Amino acid sequence: MGRVVFSENCARCHGTKGQGLVENWKKPNPDGSFPPPPLNGTAHTWHHPMEILVQTINNGGAPYGGNMPAFREVLSEEEKIAVIAYIQNLWDQKTYDRWTNMNAKF
């Protein structure tokens, strides 16, 4: 499910394998917004806890200086979790382990 959701909603901006579409995603566009970052573990996505990842999907990228649309009413909760799981599968094991350690809840 996550792969399908990603392909249909995310790939056109984040790349078919989450690699991003621009080399320097940290450099603002001429309008001041930031390009979509890679989601494959080479950018900052893995730094964020699950709550922030879902919040970003729900509210879009505008609060962070991007142009990502909000998907709150587009995707079900199950689809949101599935697409995050798919994105995490694009990360290498070391990156996933760091995310897990940063976000462990005891």
PDB file of N, CA and C in Angstrom:
ATOM      1  N   MET A   1       0.823  -1.190   0.000  1.00  0.00           N
ATOM      2  CA  MET A   1       0.000   0.000   0.000  1.00  0.00           C
ATOM      3  C   MET A   1       0.874   1.264   0.000  1.00  0.00           C
ATOM      4  N   GLY A   2       1.902   1.286   0.827  1.00  0.00           N
ATOM      5  CA  GLY A   2       2.760   2.461   0.924  1.00  0.00           C
ATOM      6  C   GLY A   2       3.421   2.821  -0.390  1.00  0.00           C
ATOM      7  N   ARG A   3       3.842   1.816  -1.126  1.00  0.00           N
ATOM      8  CA  ARG A   3       4.475   2.067  -2.426  1.00  0.00           C
ATOM      9  C   ARG A   3       3.487   2.704  -3.397  1.00  0.00           C
ATOM     10  N   VAL A   4       2.257   2.222  -3.396  1.00  0.00           N
ATOM     11  CA  VAL A   4       1.226   2.769  -4.282  1.00  0.00           C
ATOM     12  C   VAL A   4       0.906   4.211  -3.882  1.00  0.00           C
ATOM     13  N   VAL A   5       0.720   4.454  -2.598  1.00  0.00           N
ATOM     14  CA  VAL A   5       0.434   5.818  -2.124  1.00  0.00           C
ATOM     15  C   VAL A   5       1.577   6.750  -2.496  1.00  0.00           C
ATOM     16  N   PHE A   6       2.800   6.290  -2.296  1.00  0.00           N
ATOM     17  CA  PHE A   6       3.964   7.105  -2.646  1.00  0.00           C
ATOM     18  C   PHE A   6       3.982   7.406  -4.146  1.00  0.00           C
ATOM     19  N   SER A   7       3.807   6.366  -4.950  1.00  0.00           N
ATOM     20  CA  SER A   7       3.833   6.548  -6.409  1.00  0.00           C
ATOM     21  C   SER A   7       2.775   7.529  -6.884  1.00  0.00           C
ATOM     22  N   GLU A   8       1.597   7.451  -6.298  1.00  0.00           N
ATOM     23  CA  GLU A   8       0.481   8.283  -6.751  1.00  0.00           C
ATOM     24  C   GLU A   8       0.484   9.696  -6.175  1.00  0.00           C
ATOM     25  N   ASN A   9       1.166   9.915  -5.049  1.00  0.00           N
ATOM     26  CA  ASN A   9       1.058  11.206  -4.374  1.00  0.00           C
ATOM     27  C   ASN A   9       2.379  11.916  -4.086  1.00  0.00           C
ATOM     28  N   CYS A  10       3.478  11.200  -4.081  1.00  0.00           N
ATOM     29  CA  CYS A  10       4.742  11.785  -3.613  1.00  0.00           C
ATOM     30  C   CYS A  10       5.859  11.790  -4.662  1.00  0.00           C
ATOM     31  N   ALA A  11       5.879  10.777  -5.500  1.00  0.00           N
ATOM     32  CA  ALA A  11       7.006  10.562  -6.410  1.00  0.00           C
ATOM     33  C   ALA A  11       7.242  11.715  -7.376  1.00  0.00           C
ATOM     34  N   ARG A  12       6.181  12.368  -7.818  1.00  0.00           N
ATOM     35  CA  ARG A  12       6.378  13.434  -8.811  1.00  0.00           C
ATOM     36  C   ARG A  12       7.210  14.579  -8.264  1.00  0.00           C
ATOM     37  N   CYS A  13       7.224  14.756  -6.956  1.00  0.00           N
ATOM     38  CA  CYS A  13       8.016  15.841  -6.351  1.00  0.00           C
ATOM     39  C   CYS A  13       9.266  15.337  -5.627  1.00  0.00           C
ATOM     40  N   HIS A  14       9.180  14.138  -5.046  1.00  0.00           N
ATOM     41  CA  HIS A  14      10.298  13.611  -4.255  1.00  0.00           C
ATOM     42  C   HIS A  14      11.124  12.580  -5.012  1.00  0.00           C
ATOM     43  N   GLY A  15      10.751  12.269  -6.252  1.00  0.00           N
ATOM     44  CA  GLY A  15      11.477  11.279  -7.042  1.00  0.00           C
ATOM     45  C   GLY A  15      10.907   9.888  -6.863  1.00  0.00           C
ATOM     46  N   THR A  16      11.016   9.071  -7.875  1.00  0.00           N
ATOM     47  CA  THR A  16      10.401   7.743  -7.862  1.00  0.00           C
ATOM     48  C   THR A  16      10.967   6.838  -6.775  1.00  0.00           C
ATOM     49  N   LYS A  17      12.179   7.102  -6.337  1.00  0.00           N
ATOM     50  CA  LYS A  17      12.796   6.314  -5.267  1.00  0.00           C
ATOM     51  C   LYS A  17      13.122   7.183  -4.063  1.00  0.00           C
ATOM     52  N   GLY A  18      12.421   8.311  -3.951  1.00  0.00           N
ATOM     53  CA  GLY A  18      12.631   9.210  -2.825  1.00  0.00           C
ATOM     54  C   GLY A  18      13.953   9.937  -2.863  1.00  0.00           C
ATOM     55  N   GLN A  19      14.595   9.968  -4.020  1.00  0.00           N
ATOM     56  CA  GLN A  19      15.929  10.544  -4.154  1.00  0.00           C
ATOM     57  C   GLN A  19      15.920  12.064  -4.287  1.00  0.00           C
ATOM     58  N   GLY A  20      14.749  12.659  -4.407  1.00  0.00           N
ATOM     59  CA  GLY A  20      14.667  14.102  -4.652  1.00  0.00           C
ATOM     60  C   GLY A  20      14.895  14.386  -6.124  1.00  0.00           C
ATOM     61  N   LEU A  21      14.544  15.583  -6.538  1.00  0.00           N
ATOM     62  CA  LEU A  21      14.673  15.933  -7.956  1.00  0.00           C
ATOM     63  C   LEU A  21      15.684  17.041  -8.207  1.00  0.00           C
ATOM     64  N   VAL A  22      16.165  17.653  -7.140  1.00  0.00           N
ATOM     65  CA  VAL A  22      17.195  18.684  -7.288  1.00  0.00           C
ATOM     66  C   VAL A  22      18.367  18.338  -6.387  1.00  0.00           C
ATOM     67  N   GLU A  23      19.553  18.687  -6.841  1.00  0.00           N
ATOM     68  CA  GLU A  23      20.754  18.345  -6.084  1.00  0.00           C
ATOM     69  C   GLU A  23      20.831  19.118  -4.767  1.00  0.00           C
ATOM     70  N   ASN A  24      20.564  20.413  -4.821  1.00  0.00           N
ATOM     71  CA  ASN A  24      20.685  21.230  -3.619  1.00  0.00           C
ATOM     72  C   ASN A  24      19.302  21.620  -3.104  1.00  0.00           C
ATOM     73  N   TRP A  25      18.669  20.707  -2.402  1.00  0.00           N
ATOM     74  CA  TRP A  25      17.320  20.928  -1.893  1.00  0.00           C
ATOM     75  C   TRP A  25      17.298  21.918  -0.738  1.00  0.00           C
ATOM     76  N   LYS A  26      18.465  22.280  -0.216  1.00  0.00           N
ATOM     77  CA  LYS A  26      18.535  23.256   0.875  1.00  0.00           C
ATOM     78  C   LYS A  26      18.546  24.695   0.363  1.00  0.00           C
ATOM     79  N   LYS A  27      18.745  24.869  -0.931  1.00  0.00           N
ATOM     80  CA  LYS A  27      18.791  26.205  -1.520  1.00  0.00           C
ATOM     81  C   LYS A  27      17.376  26.627  -1.921  1.00  0.00           C
ATOM     82  N   PRO A  28      16.924  27.786  -1.446  1.00  0.00           N
ATOM     83  CA  PRO A  28      15.564  28.228  -1.786  1.00  0.00           C
ATOM     84  C   PRO A  28      15.383  28.438  -3.289  1.00  0.00           C
ATOM     85  N   ASN A  29      14.171  28.203  -3.734  1.00  0.00           N
ATOM     86  CA  ASN A  29      13.764  28.513  -5.104  1.00  0.00           C
ATOM     87  C   ASN A  29      13.693  30.034  -5.245  1.00  0.00           C
ATOM     88  N   PRO A  30      13.579  30.534  -6.479  1.00  0.00           N
ATOM     89  CA  PRO A  30      13.466  31.987  -6.672  1.00  0.00           C
ATOM     90  C   PRO A  30      12.316  32.629  -5.879  1.00  0.00           C
ATOM     91  N   ASP A  31      11.246  31.861  -5.629  1.00  0.00           N
ATOM     92  CA  ASP A  31      10.122  32.424  -4.865  1.00  0.00           C
ATOM     93  C   ASP A  31      10.328  32.352  -3.351  1.00  0.00           C
ATOM     94  N   GLY A  32      11.484  31.828  -2.914  1.00  0.00           N
ATOM     95  CA  GLY A  32      11.787  31.731  -1.492  1.00  0.00           C
ATOM     96  C   GLY A  32      11.397  30.408  -0.856  1.00  0.00           C
ATOM     97  N   SER A  33      10.622  29.603  -1.544  1.00  0.00           N
ATOM     98  CA  SER A  33      10.241  28.289  -1.014  1.00  0.00           C
ATOM     99  C   SER A  33      11.394  27.305  -1.233  1.00  0.00           C
ATOM    100  N   PHE A  34      11.371  26.230  -0.487  1.00  0.00           N
ATOM    101  CA  PHE A  34      12.404  25.213  -0.633  1.00  0.00           C
ATOM    102  C   PHE A  34      11.904  24.064  -1.487  1.00  0.00           C
ATOM    103  N   PRO A  35      12.797  23.470  -2.296  1.00  0.00           N
ATOM    104  CA  PRO A  35      12.410  22.311  -3.098  1.00  0.00           C
ATOM    105  C   PRO A  35      12.101  21.123  -2.190  1.00  0.00           C
ATOM    106  N   PRO A  36      11.354  20.155  -2.698  1.00  0.00           N
ATOM    107  CA  PRO A  36      11.089  18.950  -1.914  1.00  0.00           C
ATOM    108  C   PRO A  36      12.398  18.215  -1.616  1.00  0.00           C
ATOM    109  N   PRO A  37      12.607  17.847  -0.363  1.00  0.00           N
ATOM    110  CA  PRO A  37      13.848  17.135  -0.029  1.00  0.00           C
ATOM    111  C   PRO A  37      13.773  15.663  -0.421  1.00  0.00           C
ATOM    112  N   PRO A  38      14.923  15.028  -0.529  1.00  0.00           N
ATOM    113  CA  PRO A  38      14.911  13.580  -0.690  1.00  0.00           C
ATOM    114  C   PRO A  38      14.282  12.938   0.549  1.00  0.00           C
ATOM    115  N   LEU A  39      13.644  11.810   0.352  1.00  0.00           N
ATOM    116  CA  LEU A  39      13.040  11.081   1.469  1.00  0.00           C
ATOM    117  C   LEU A  39      13.729   9.745   1.705  1.00  0.00           C
ATOM    118  N   ASN A  40      14.821   9.520   0.989  1.00  0.00           N
ATOM    119  CA  ASN A  40      15.496   8.221   1.017  1.00  0.00           C
ATOM    120  C   ASN A  40      16.529   8.074   2.128  1.00  0.00           C
ATOM    121  N   GLY A  41      16.531   8.989   3.077  1.00  0.00           N
ATOM    122  CA  GLY A  41      17.473   8.909   4.190  1.00  0.00           C
ATOM    123  C   GLY A  41      18.671   9.815   4.033  1.00  0.00           C
ATOM    124  N   THR A  42      18.806  10.488   2.895  1.00  0.00           N
ATOM    125  CA  THR A  42      19.950  11.371   2.667  1.00  0.00           C
ATOM    126  C   THR A  42      19.665  12.810   3.079  1.00  0.00           C
ATOM    127  N   ALA A  43      18.437  13.108   3.463  1.00  0.00           N
ATOM    128  CA  ALA A  43      18.070  14.453   3.916  1.00  0.00           C
ATOM    129  C   ALA A  43      17.621  14.366   5.371  1.00  0.00           C
ATOM    130  N   HIS A  44      16.748  15.233   5.782  1.00  0.00           N
ATOM    131  CA  HIS A  44      16.390  15.366   7.196  1.00  0.00           C
ATOM    132  C   HIS A  44      15.145  14.601   7.620  1.00  0.00           C
ATOM    133  N   THR A  45      14.478  13.914   6.738  1.00  0.00           N
ATOM    134  CA  THR A  45      13.229  13.250   7.108  1.00  0.00           C
ATOM    135  C   THR A  45      13.417  12.320   8.298  1.00  0.00           C
ATOM    136  N   TRP A  46      14.499  11.600   8.323  1.00  0.00           N
ATOM    137  CA  TRP A  46      14.727  10.625   9.398  1.00  0.00           C
ATOM    138  C   TRP A  46      14.945  11.294  10.749  1.00  0.00           C
ATOM    139  N   HIS A  47      15.191  12.585  10.778  1.00  0.00           N
ATOM    140  CA  HIS A  47      15.380  13.301  12.045  1.00  0.00           C
ATOM    141  C   HIS A  47      14.066  13.502  12.796  1.00  0.00           C
ATOM    142  N   HIS A  48      12.942  13.341  12.117  1.00  0.00           N
ATOM    143  CA  HIS A  48      11.648  13.697  12.686  1.00  0.00           C
ATOM    144  C   HIS A  48      10.914  12.496  13.267  1.00  0.00           C
ATOM    145  N   PRO A  49      10.293  12.686  14.430  1.00  0.00           N
ATOM    146  CA  PRO A  49       9.487  11.597  14.996  1.00  0.00           C
ATOM    147  C   PRO A  49       8.223  11.374  14.176  1.00  0.00           C
ATOM    148  N   MET A  50       7.599  10.247  14.409  1.00  0.00           N
ATOM    149  CA  MET A  50       6.393   9.865  13.669  1.00  0.00           C
ATOM    150  C   MET A  50       5.345  10.970  13.701  1.00  0.00           C
ATOM    151  N   GLU A  51       5.158  11.611  14.838  1.00  0.00           N
ATOM    152  CA  GLU A  51       4.133  12.644  14.962  1.00  0.00           C
ATOM    153  C   GLU A  51       4.378  13.798  13.975  1.00  0.00           C
ATOM    154  N   ILE A  52       5.626  14.182  13.808  1.00  0.00           N
ATOM    155  CA  ILE A  52       5.964  15.280  12.886  1.00  0.00           C
ATOM    156  C   ILE A  52       5.810  14.818  11.439  1.00  0.00           C
ATOM    157  N   LEU A  53       6.170  13.583  11.153  1.00  0.00           N
ATOM    158  CA  LEU A  53       5.995  13.069   9.792  1.00  0.00           C
ATOM    159  C   LEU A  53       4.519  13.072   9.406  1.00  0.00           C
ATOM    160  N   VAL A  54       3.654  12.610  10.311  1.00  0.00           N
ATOM    161  CA  VAL A  54       2.212  12.614  10.033  1.00  0.00           C
ATOM    162  C   VAL A  54       1.709  14.055   9.935  1.00  0.00           C
ATOM    163  N   GLN A  55       2.179  14.910  10.818  1.00  0.00           N
ATOM    164  CA  GLN A  55       1.768  16.323  10.788  1.00  0.00           C
ATOM    165  C   GLN A  55       2.144  16.973   9.455  1.00  0.00           C
ATOM    166  N   THR A  56       3.321  16.658   8.942  1.00  0.00           N
ATOM    167  CA  THR A  56       3.753  17.216   7.659  1.00  0.00           C
ATOM    168  C   THR A  56       2.869  16.710   6.528  1.00  0.00           C
ATOM    169  N   ILE A  57       2.540  15.433   6.546  1.00  0.00           N
ATOM    170  CA  ILE A  57       1.629  14.893   5.537  1.00  0.00           C
ATOM    171  C   ILE A  57       0.276  15.593   5.647  1.00  0.00           C
ATOM    172  N   ASN A  58      -0.215  15.747   6.850  1.00  0.00           N
ATOM    173  CA  ASN A  58      -1.526  16.371   7.055  1.00  0.00           C
ATOM    174  C   ASN A  58      -1.564  17.836   6.635  1.00  0.00           C
ATOM    175  N   ASN A  59      -0.556  18.600   7.033  1.00  0.00           N
ATOM    176  CA  ASN A  59      -0.579  20.056   6.857  1.00  0.00           C
ATOM    177  C   ASN A  59       0.213  20.558   5.659  1.00  0.00           C
ATOM    178  N   GLY A  60       0.975  19.685   5.033  1.00  0.00           N
ATOM    179  CA  GLY A  60       1.788  20.104   3.899  1.00  0.00           C
ATOM    180  C   GLY A  60       3.068  20.775   4.343  1.00  0.00           C
ATOM    181  N   GLY A  61       3.794  21.297   3.384  1.00  0.00           N
ATOM    182  CA  GLY A  61       5.106  21.862   3.646  1.00  0.00           C
ATOM    183  C   GLY A  61       5.153  23.349   3.915  1.00  0.00           C
ATOM    184  N   ALA A  62       4.056  24.052   3.748  1.00  0.00           N
ATOM    185  CA  ALA A  62       4.064  25.513   3.934  1.00  0.00           C
ATOM    186  C   ALA A  62       4.620  25.943   5.293  1.00  0.00           C
ATOM    187  N   PRO A  63       4.272  25.260   6.402  1.00  0.00           N
ATOM    188  CA  PRO A  63       4.821  25.690   7.688  1.00  0.00           C
ATOM    189  C   PRO A  63       6.354  25.603   7.762  1.00  0.00           C
ATOM    190  N   TYR A  64       6.959  24.850   6.847  1.00  0.00           N
ATOM    191  CA  TYR A  64       8.408  24.658   6.842  1.00  0.00           C
ATOM    192  C   TYR A  64       9.089  25.336   5.652  1.00  0.00           C
ATOM    193  N   GLY A  65       8.356  26.164   4.945  1.00  0.00           N
ATOM    194  CA  GLY A  65       8.932  26.883   3.814  1.00  0.00           C
ATOM    195  C   GLY A  65       8.844  26.165   2.493  1.00  0.00           C
ATOM    196  N   GLY A  66       8.067  25.099   2.418  1.00  0.00           N
ATOM    197  CA  GLY A  66       7.938  24.350   1.174  1.00  0.00           C
ATOM    198  C   GLY A  66       6.583  24.545   0.524  1.00  0.00           C
ATOM    199  N   ASN A  67       6.369  23.823  -0.547  1.00  0.00           N
ATOM    200  CA  ASN A  67       5.114  23.914  -1.301  1.00  0.00           C
ATOM    201  C   ASN A  67       4.302  22.629  -1.288  1.00  0.00           C
ATOM    202  N   MET A  68       4.694  21.658  -0.478  1.00  0.00           N
ATOM    203  CA  MET A  68       3.963  20.399  -0.443  1.00  0.00           C
ATOM    204  C   MET A  68       2.516  20.656  -0.038  1.00  0.00           C
ATOM    205  N   PRO A  69       1.574  20.099  -0.792  1.00  0.00           N
ATOM    206  CA  PRO A  69       0.169  20.282  -0.418  1.00  0.00           C
ATOM    207  C   PRO A  69      -0.179  19.463   0.824  1.00  0.00           C
ATOM    208  N   ALA A  70      -1.236  19.847   1.473  1.00  0.00           N
ATOM    209  CA  ALA A  70      -1.743  19.100   2.617  1.00  0.00           C
ATOM    210  C   ALA A  70      -2.498  17.862   2.120  1.00  0.00           C
ATOM    211  N   PHE A  71      -2.295  16.757   2.789  1.00  0.00           N
ATOM    212  CA  PHE A  71      -2.956  15.503   2.423  1.00  0.00           C
ATOM    213  C   PHE A  71      -3.925  15.029   3.506  1.00  0.00           C
ATOM    214  N   ARG A  72      -4.252  15.915   4.465  1.00  0.00           N
ATOM    215  CA  ARG A  72      -5.144  15.541   5.572  1.00  0.00           C
ATOM    216  C   ARG A  72      -6.436  14.907   5.079  1.00  0.00           C
ATOM    217  N   GLU A  73      -7.031  15.506   4.069  1.00  0.00           N
ATOM    218  CA  GLU A  73      -8.324  15.024   3.563  1.00  0.00           C
ATOM    219  C   GLU A  73      -8.182  14.112   2.345  1.00  0.00           C
ATOM    220  N   VAL A  74      -6.953  13.916   1.896  1.00  0.00           N
ATOM    221  CA  VAL A  74      -6.709  13.113   0.693  1.00  0.00           C
ATOM    222  C   VAL A  74      -6.402  11.664   1.051  1.00  0.00           C
ATOM    223  N   LEU A  75      -5.588  11.472   2.086  1.00  0.00           N
ATOM    224  CA  LEU A  75      -5.150  10.133   2.475  1.00  0.00           C
ATOM    225  C   LEU A  75      -5.807   9.706   3.782  1.00  0.00           C
ATOM    226  N   SER A  76      -6.089   8.432   3.883  1.00  0.00           N
ATOM    227  CA  SER A  76      -6.605   7.886   5.142  1.00  0.00           C
ATOM    228  C   SER A  76      -5.445   7.773   6.133  1.00  0.00           C
ATOM    229  N   GLU A  77      -5.752   7.577   7.396  1.00  0.00           N
ATOM    230  CA  GLU A  77      -4.699   7.391   8.408  1.00  0.00           C
ATOM    231  C   GLU A  77      -3.863   6.165   8.057  1.00  0.00           C
ATOM    232  N   GLU A  78      -4.509   5.109   7.599  1.00  0.00           N
ATOM    233  CA  GLU A  78      -3.793   3.894   7.208  1.00  0.00           C
ATOM    234  C   GLU A  78      -2.829   4.174   6.049  1.00  0.00           C
ATOM    235  N   GLU A  79      -3.243   4.963   5.084  1.00  0.00           N
ATOM    236  CA  GLU A  79      -2.374   5.311   3.954  1.00  0.00           C
ATOM    237  C   GLU A  79      -1.192   6.163   4.407  1.00  0.00           C
ATOM    238  N   LYS A  80      -1.421   7.061   5.334  1.00  0.00           N
ATOM    239  CA  LYS A  80      -0.333   7.914   5.846  1.00  0.00           C
ATOM    240  C   LYS A  80       0.732   7.064   6.531  1.00  0.00           C
ATOM    241  N   ILE A  81       0.309   6.149   7.378  1.00  0.00           N
ATOM    242  CA  ILE A  81       1.260   5.270   8.073  1.00  0.00           C
ATOM    243  C   ILE A  81       1.967   4.369   7.067  1.00  0.00           C
ATOM    244  N   ALA A  82       1.238   3.876   6.086  1.00  0.00           N
ATOM    245  CA  ALA A  82       1.832   2.999   5.069  1.00  0.00           C
ATOM    246  C   ALA A  82       2.877   3.730   4.246  1.00  0.00           C
ATOM    247  N   VAL A  83       2.619   4.986   3.888  1.00  0.00           N
ATOM    248  CA  VAL A  83       3.600   5.717   3.085  1.00  0.00           C
ATOM    249  C   VAL A  83       4.835   6.050   3.917  1.00  0.00           C
ATOM    250  N   ILE A  84       4.657   6.326   5.187  1.00  0.00           N
ATOM    251  CA  ILE A  84       5.828   6.547   6.051  1.00  0.00           C
ATOM    252  C   ILE A  84       6.648   5.268   6.154  1.00  0.00           C
ATOM    253  N   ALA A  85       5.990   4.136   6.328  1.00  0.00           N
ATOM    254  CA  ALA A  85       6.701   2.855   6.378  1.00  0.00           C
ATOM    255  C   ALA A  85       7.450   2.604   5.069  1.00  0.00           C
ATOM    256  N   TYR A  86       6.819   2.923   3.950  1.00  0.00           N
ATOM    257  CA  TYR A  86       7.493   2.754   2.661  1.00  0.00           C
ATOM    258  C   TYR A  86       8.732   3.641   2.579  1.00  0.00           C
ATOM    259  N   ILE A  87       8.598   4.886   2.990  1.00  0.00           N
ATOM    260  CA  ILE A  87       9.738   5.813   2.972  1.00  0.00           C
ATOM    261  C   ILE A  87      10.858   5.279   3.861  1.00  0.00           C
ATOM    262  N   GLN A  88      10.503   4.773   5.023  1.00  0.00           N
ATOM    263  CA  GLN A  88      11.520   4.230   5.923  1.00  0.00           C
ATOM    264  C   GLN A  88      12.227   3.030   5.301  1.00  0.00           C
ATOM    265  N   ASN A  89      11.550   2.303   4.446  1.00  0.00           N
ATOM    266  CA  ASN A  89      12.192   1.189   3.754  1.00  0.00           C
ATOM    267  C   ASN A  89      13.199   1.649   2.711  1.00  0.00           C
ATOM    268  N   LEU A  90      13.167   2.930   2.366  1.00  0.00           N
ATOM    269  CA  LEU A  90      14.155   3.486   1.442  1.00  0.00           C
ATOM    270  C   LEU A  90      15.462   3.830   2.172  1.00  0.00           C
ATOM    271  N   TRP A  91      15.406   3.915   3.488  1.00  0.00           N
ATOM    272  CA  TRP A  91      16.577   4.257   4.284  1.00  0.00           C
ATOM    273  C   TRP A  91      17.476   3.038   4.452  1.00  0.00           C
ATOM    274  N   ASP A  92      18.777   3.276   4.635  1.00  0.00           N
ATOM    275  CA  ASP A  92      19.640   2.155   4.969  1.00  0.00           C
ATOM    276  C   ASP A  92      19.420   1.797   6.446  1.00  0.00           C
ATOM    277  N   GLN A  93      19.928   0.653   6.845  1.00  0.00           N
ATOM    278  CA  GLN A  93      19.672   0.157   8.206  1.00  0.00           C
ATOM    279  C   GLN A  93      20.225   1.104   9.267  1.00  0.00           C
ATOM    280  N   LYS A  94      21.397   1.681   9.022  1.00  0.00           N
ATOM    281  CA  LYS A  94      22.000   2.598   9.994  1.00  0.00           C
ATOM    282  C   LYS A  94      21.096   3.813  10.225  1.00  0.00           C
ATOM    283  N   THR A  95      20.563   4.359   9.163  1.00  0.00           N
ATOM    284  CA  THR A  95      19.668   5.518   9.271  1.00  0.00           C
ATOM    285  C   THR A  95      18.401   5.141  10.011  1.00  0.00           C
ATOM    286  N   TYR A  96      17.816   3.999   9.684  1.00  0.00           N
ATOM    287  CA  TYR A  96      16.603   3.561  10.380  1.00  0.00           C
ATOM    288  C   TYR A  96      16.883   3.329  11.866  1.00  0.00           C
ATOM    289  N   ASP A  97      18.011   2.724  12.176  1.00  0.00           N
ATOM    290  CA  ASP A  97      18.363   2.489  13.580  1.00  0.00           C
ATOM    291  C   ASP A  97      18.530   3.808  14.327  1.00  0.00           C
ATOM    292  N   ARG A  98      19.133   4.812  13.693  1.00  0.00           N
ATOM    293  CA  ARG A  98      19.267   6.126  14.342  1.00  0.00           C
ATOM    294  C   ARG A  98      17.889   6.726  14.592  1.00  0.00           C
ATOM    295  N   TRP A  99      16.986   6.619  13.604  1.00  0.00           N
ATOM    296  CA  TRP A  99      15.626   7.134  13.786  1.00  0.00           C
ATOM    297  C   TRP A  99      14.931   6.422  14.949  1.00  0.00           C
ATOM    298  N   THR A 100      15.064   5.118  14.997  1.00  0.00           N
ATOM    299  CA  THR A 100      14.449   4.334  16.062  1.00  0.00           C
ATOM    300  C   THR A 100      15.001   4.757  17.425  1.00  0.00           C
ATOM    301  N   ASN A 101      16.315   4.889  17.514  1.00  0.00           N
ATOM    302  CA  ASN A 101      16.928   5.289  18.786  1.00  0.00           C
ATOM    303  C   ASN A 101      16.521   6.693  19.216  1.00  0.00           C
ATOM    304  N   MET A 102      16.411   7.601  18.266  1.00  0.00           N
ATOM    305  CA  MET A 102      16.008   8.979  18.583  1.00  0.00           C
ATOM    306  C   MET A 102      14.546   9.056  19.036  1.00  0.00           C
ATOM    307  N   ASN A 103      13.740   8.154  18.560  1.00  0.00           N
ATOM    308  CA  ASN A 103      12.309   8.245  18.787  1.00  0.00           C
ATOM    309  C   ASN A 103      11.753   7.138  19.673  1.00  0.00           C
ATOM    310  N   ALA A 104      12.655   6.420  20.341  1.00  0.00           N
ATOM    311  CA  ALA A 104      12.207   5.352  21.234  1.00  0.00           C
ATOM    312  C   ALA A 104      11.388   5.946  22.376  1.00  0.00           C
ATOM    313  N   LYS A 105      10.307   5.285  22.690  1.00  0.00           N
ATOM    314  CA  LYS A 105       9.449   5.730  23.801  1.00  0.00           C
ATOM    315  C   LYS A 105       9.455   4.643  24.865  1.00  0.00           C
ATOM    316  N   PHE A 106       9.786   5.053  26.049  1.00  0.00           N
ATOM    317  CA  PHE A 106       9.848   4.097  27.161  1.00  0.00           C
ATOM    318  C   PHE A 106       8.824   4.442  28.194  1.00  0.00           C
TER     319      PHE A 106
END
